[in-house]
C-alpha atoms as a PDB file:
ATOM      1  CA  UNK A   1     -16.524 -14.715  -0.214  1.00  0.00           C
ATOM      2  CA  UNK A   2     -15.120 -10.967   1.070  1.00  0.00           C
ATOM      3  CA  UNK A   3     -11.189 -11.179   0.498  1.00  0.00           C
ATOM      4  CA  UNK A   4     -10.596  -7.508   1.997  1.00  0.00           C
ATOM      5  CA  UNK A   5      -6.807  -8.788   3.292  1.00  0.00           C
ATOM      6  CA  UNK A   6      -7.272  -5.383   5.851  1.00  0.00           C
ATOM      7  CA  UNK A   7     -10.574  -7.001   7.763  1.00  0.00           C
ATOM      8  CA  UNK A   8      -8.542 -10.318   7.996  1.00  0.00           C
ATOM      9  CA  UNK A   9      -7.907 -12.164  11.267  1.00  0.00           C
ATOM     10  CA  UNK A  10      -5.045 -13.154   8.995  1.00  0.00           C
ATOM     11  CA  UNK A  11      -3.782  -9.581   8.246  1.00  0.00           C
ATOM     12  CA  UNK A  12      -0.751  -8.616  10.796  1.00  0.00           C
ATOM     13  CA  UNK A  13       1.640  -6.183  10.224  1.00  0.00           C
ATOM     14  CA  UNK A  14       5.640  -7.622  10.862  1.00  0.00           C
ATOM     15  CA  UNK A  15       8.040  -5.097  12.276  1.00  0.00           C
ATOM     16  CA  UNK A  16      10.642  -6.431  10.185  1.00  0.00           C
ATOM     17  CA  UNK A  17       9.340  -5.727   7.121  1.00  0.00           C
ATOM     18  CA  UNK A  18       7.544  -2.781   8.373  1.00  0.00           C
ATOM     19  CA  UNK A  19       4.934  -3.862   6.665  1.00  0.00           C
ATOM     20  CA  UNK A  20       1.480  -5.141   7.039  1.00  0.00           C
ATOM     21  CA  UNK A  21       1.593  -9.523   5.278  1.00  0.00           C
ATOM     22  CA  UNK A  22      -0.849 -12.152   5.540  1.00  0.00           C
ATOM     23  CA  UNK A  23       0.424 -14.987   8.525  1.00  0.00           C
ATOM     24  CA  UNK A  24      -1.800 -17.720   7.134  1.00  0.00           C
ATOM     25  CA  UNK A  25       0.006 -20.662   6.261  1.00  0.00           C
ATOM     26  CA  UNK A  26       0.553 -20.969   2.426  1.00  0.00           C
ATOM     27  CA  UNK A  27       2.011 -23.485   0.917  1.00  0.00           C
ATOM     28  CA  UNK A  28       4.567 -22.902  -2.230  1.00  0.00           C
ATOM     29  CA  UNK A  29       1.601 -23.317  -4.678  1.00  0.00           C
ATOM     30  CA  UNK A  30      -0.595 -21.502  -2.523  1.00  0.00           C
ATOM     31  CA  UNK A  31       1.180 -18.654  -2.638  1.00  0.00           C
ATOM     32  CA  UNK A  32       1.780 -18.134  -6.448  1.00  0.00           C
ATOM     33  CA  UNK A  33      -1.966 -18.615  -6.691  1.00  0.00           C
ATOM     34  CA  UNK A  34      -2.889 -15.840  -4.106  1.00  0.00           C
ATOM     35  CA  UNK A  35       0.567 -13.475  -5.426  1.00  0.00           C
ATOM     36  CA  UNK A  36      -0.730 -13.691  -9.086  1.00  0.00           C
ATOM     37  CA  UNK A  37      -4.351 -12.940  -7.744  1.00  0.00           C
ATOM     38  CA  UNK A  38      -5.847 -16.783  -9.425  1.00  0.00           C
ATOM     39  CA  UNK A  39      -7.859 -16.872  -7.237  1.00  0.00           C
ATOM     40  CA  UNK A  40     -11.534 -15.549  -7.204  1.00  0.00           C
ATOM     41  CA  UNK A  41     -11.474 -14.483  -3.527  1.00  0.00           C
ATOM     42  CA  UNK A  42      -9.253 -15.659  -1.268  1.00  0.00           C
ATOM     43  CA  UNK A  43     -10.143 -18.658   0.543  1.00  0.00           C
ATOM     44  CA  UNK A  44      -7.759 -19.044   3.775  1.00  0.00           C
ATOM     45  CA  UNK A  45     -10.232 -15.296   4.846  1.00  0.00           C
ATOM     46  CA  UNK A  46     -11.590 -14.975   7.725  1.00  0.00           C
ATOM     47  CA  UNK A  47     -13.209 -12.118   9.517  1.00  0.00           C
ATOM     48  CA  UNK A  48     -10.765 -10.318  12.205  1.00  0.00           C
ATOM     49  CA  UNK A  49     -13.242  -9.614  14.550  1.00  0.00           C
ATOM     50  CA  UNK A  50     -12.173 -10.030  17.725  1.00  0.00           C
ATOM     51  CA  UNK A  51     -15.459  -9.777  19.588  1.00  0.00           C
ATOM     52  CA  UNK A  52     -16.759 -13.127  18.161  1.00  0.00           C
ATOM     53  CA  UNK A  53     -14.408 -15.622  20.378  1.00  0.00           C
ATOM     54  CA  UNK A  54     -14.908 -13.761  23.217  1.00  0.00           C
ATOM     55  CA  UNK A  55     -18.803 -13.634  22.765  1.00  0.00           C
ATOM     56  CA  UNK A  56     -18.600 -17.891  22.633  1.00  0.00           C
ATOM     57  CA  UNK A  57     -17.182 -17.646  26.602  1.00  0.00           C
END
């Protein structure tokens, strides 16, 4: 399972931080594992294909 943040639907630009951040809703334990790199592949990764939704409509 890929974990390339740049292709993930949850990876978005935050104007206040002036940086890209993961917008997935993580609890404290999940966030700690994510930041430490404790997961081999990100379990929250979802491809950010904007056209996928449009194809199903």
